[in-house]
Amino acid sequence: MGRILLIIAAIVAALVLLGPLVGFALTLLKWGLIIGAVAFGVLLLSKWAKRT
């Protein structure tokens, strides 16, 4: 019985620690996509400005 409770406690602790890490990774991914989209827009605008 004690071993089962210890395993459950370890799983709960892992999930509690994993939640903020996953959130941080998704935040980094979101900002990377936003910065990439802005850079792509600037690239397209600069190419369009050179043609005109």
N, C-alpha and C. Protein backbone atom coordinates (compact mmCIF):
# COMPACT_ATOMS: atom_id res chain seq x y z
N MET A 1 0.82 -1.20 0.00
CA MET A 1 0.00 0.00 0.00
C MET A 1 0.86 1.26 0.00
N GLY A 2 1.92 1.25 0.78
CA GLY A 2 2.81 2.41 0.84
C GLY A 2 3.51 2.68 -0.47
N ARG A 3 3.86 1.60 -1.17
CA ARG A 3 4.55 1.76 -2.45
C ARG A 3 3.62 2.38 -3.48
N ILE A 4 2.36 1.99 -3.47
CA ILE A 4 1.39 2.53 -4.42
C ILE A 4 1.19 4.03 -4.16
N LEU A 5 1.06 4.40 -2.90
CA LEU A 5 0.91 5.82 -2.56
C LEU A 5 2.15 6.62 -2.96
N LEU A 6 3.31 6.03 -2.81
CA LEU A 6 4.55 6.70 -3.20
C LEU A 6 4.60 6.91 -4.71
N ILE A 7 4.17 5.92 -5.47
CA ILE A 7 4.14 6.04 -6.93
C ILE A 7 3.14 7.11 -7.35
N ILE A 8 1.96 7.12 -6.72
CA ILE A 8 0.96 8.13 -7.04
C ILE A 8 1.48 9.53 -6.70
N ALA A 9 2.14 9.66 -5.55
CA ALA A 9 2.70 10.96 -5.16
C ALA A 9 3.77 11.40 -6.15
N ALA A 10 4.59 10.47 -6.63
CA ALA A 10 5.63 10.81 -7.60
C ALA A 10 5.01 11.26 -8.92
N ILE A 11 3.93 10.60 -9.35
CA ILE A 11 3.27 10.98 -10.60
C ILE A 11 2.64 12.37 -10.46
N VAL A 12 1.99 12.63 -9.33
CA VAL A 12 1.38 13.94 -9.11
C VAL A 12 2.45 15.02 -9.07
N ALA A 13 3.57 14.76 -8.39
CA ALA A 13 4.65 15.74 -8.33
C ALA A 13 5.23 16.00 -9.71
N ALA A 14 5.38 14.95 -10.53
CA ALA A 14 5.91 15.12 -11.88
C ALA A 14 4.96 15.98 -12.72
N LEU A 15 3.66 15.74 -12.58
CA LEU A 15 2.70 16.54 -13.34
C LEU A 15 2.69 18.00 -12.89
N VAL A 16 2.83 18.22 -11.59
CA VAL A 16 2.86 19.59 -11.07
C VAL A 16 4.10 20.32 -11.59
N LEU A 17 5.23 19.63 -11.65
CA LEU A 17 6.45 20.26 -12.15
C LEU A 17 6.45 20.39 -13.67
N LEU A 18 5.79 19.48 -14.35
CA LEU A 18 5.79 19.48 -15.81
C LEU A 18 4.88 20.57 -16.37
N GLY A 19 3.82 20.91 -15.66
CA GLY A 19 2.87 21.91 -16.15
C GLY A 19 3.51 23.25 -16.49
N PRO A 20 4.24 23.88 -15.57
CA PRO A 20 4.88 25.16 -15.90
C PRO A 20 5.93 25.04 -17.00
N LEU A 21 6.63 23.91 -17.07
CA LEU A 21 7.64 23.74 -18.12
C LEU A 21 6.99 23.67 -19.50
N VAL A 22 5.88 22.96 -19.59
CA VAL A 22 5.16 22.88 -20.87
C VAL A 22 4.59 24.25 -21.23
N GLY A 23 4.06 24.96 -20.25
CA GLY A 23 3.56 26.31 -20.51
C GLY A 23 4.66 27.24 -20.98
N PHE A 24 5.83 27.15 -20.37
CA PHE A 24 6.97 27.98 -20.78
C PHE A 24 7.40 27.65 -22.21
N ALA A 25 7.45 26.35 -22.53
CA ALA A 25 7.83 25.95 -23.89
C ALA A 25 6.82 26.45 -24.92
N LEU A 26 5.54 26.37 -24.59
CA LEU A 26 4.53 26.86 -25.52
C LEU A 26 4.59 28.38 -25.66
N THR A 27 4.93 29.07 -24.60
CA THR A 27 5.08 30.52 -24.67
C THR A 27 6.25 30.89 -25.59
N LEU A 28 7.37 30.16 -25.43
CA LEU A 28 8.51 30.41 -26.31
C LEU A 28 8.16 30.13 -27.77
N LEU A 29 7.42 29.06 -28.01
CA LEU A 29 7.00 28.73 -29.37
C LEU A 29 6.10 29.81 -29.95
N LYS A 30 5.18 30.31 -29.13
CA LYS A 30 4.26 31.36 -29.58
C LYS A 30 5.04 32.60 -29.97
N TRP A 31 5.96 33.04 -29.11
CA TRP A 31 6.73 34.24 -29.41
C TRP A 31 7.65 34.03 -30.62
N GLY A 32 8.18 32.83 -30.77
CA GLY A 32 9.00 32.53 -31.95
C GLY A 32 8.19 32.64 -33.23
N LEU A 33 6.95 32.14 -33.18
CA LEU A 33 6.09 32.24 -34.36
C LEU A 33 5.72 33.68 -34.66
N ILE A 34 5.46 34.46 -33.62
CA ILE A 34 5.11 35.88 -33.83
C ILE A 34 6.29 36.63 -34.43
N ILE A 35 7.48 36.42 -33.88
CA ILE A 35 8.68 37.11 -34.39
C ILE A 35 8.98 36.66 -35.82
N GLY A 36 8.80 35.38 -36.10
CA GLY A 36 9.01 34.87 -37.45
C GLY A 36 8.03 35.48 -38.44
N ALA A 37 6.77 35.62 -38.04
CA ALA A 37 5.77 36.21 -38.93
C ALA A 37 6.07 37.68 -39.20
N VAL A 38 6.51 38.40 -38.17
CA VAL A 38 6.87 39.82 -38.36
C VAL A 38 8.07 39.94 -39.28
N ALA A 39 9.08 39.09 -39.09
CA ALA A 39 10.26 39.13 -39.95
C ALA A 39 9.90 38.80 -41.39
N PHE A 40 9.00 37.83 -41.58
CA PHE A 40 8.57 37.46 -42.92
C PHE A 40 7.82 38.62 -43.57
N GLY A 41 6.97 39.31 -42.80
CA GLY A 41 6.26 40.46 -43.33
C GLY A 41 7.20 41.58 -43.73
N VAL A 42 8.21 41.83 -42.91
CA VAL A 42 9.20 42.86 -43.23
C VAL A 42 9.95 42.49 -44.50
N LEU A 43 10.30 41.21 -44.64
CA LEU A 43 11.00 40.74 -45.84
C LEU A 43 10.14 40.96 -47.08
N LEU A 44 8.86 40.60 -46.99
CA LEU A 44 7.97 40.79 -48.14
C LEU A 44 7.81 42.27 -48.47
N LEU A 45 7.68 43.11 -47.44
CA LEU A 45 7.53 44.55 -47.68
C LEU A 45 8.79 45.14 -48.32
N SER A 46 9.95 44.68 -47.87
CA SER A 46 11.18 45.23 -48.44
C SER A 46 11.34 44.79 -49.90
N LYS A 47 10.97 43.55 -50.21
CA LYS A 47 11.04 43.11 -51.61
C LYS A 47 10.04 43.88 -52.47
N TRP A 48 8.84 44.13 -51.92
CA TRP A 48 7.84 44.87 -52.67
C TRP A 48 8.28 46.32 -52.87
N ALA A 49 8.93 46.91 -51.89
CA ALA A 49 9.39 48.29 -52.00
C ALA A 49 10.51 48.43 -53.02
N LYS A 50 11.35 47.39 -53.15
CA LYS A 50 12.43 47.45 -54.14
C LYS A 50 11.89 47.38 -55.57
N ARG A 51 10.79 46.64 -55.76
CA ARG A 51 10.25 46.50 -57.10
C ARG A 51 9.57 47.78 -57.58
N THR A 52 9.02 48.55 -56.68
CA THR A 52 8.27 49.72 -57.13
C THR A 52 9.17 50.94 -57.24
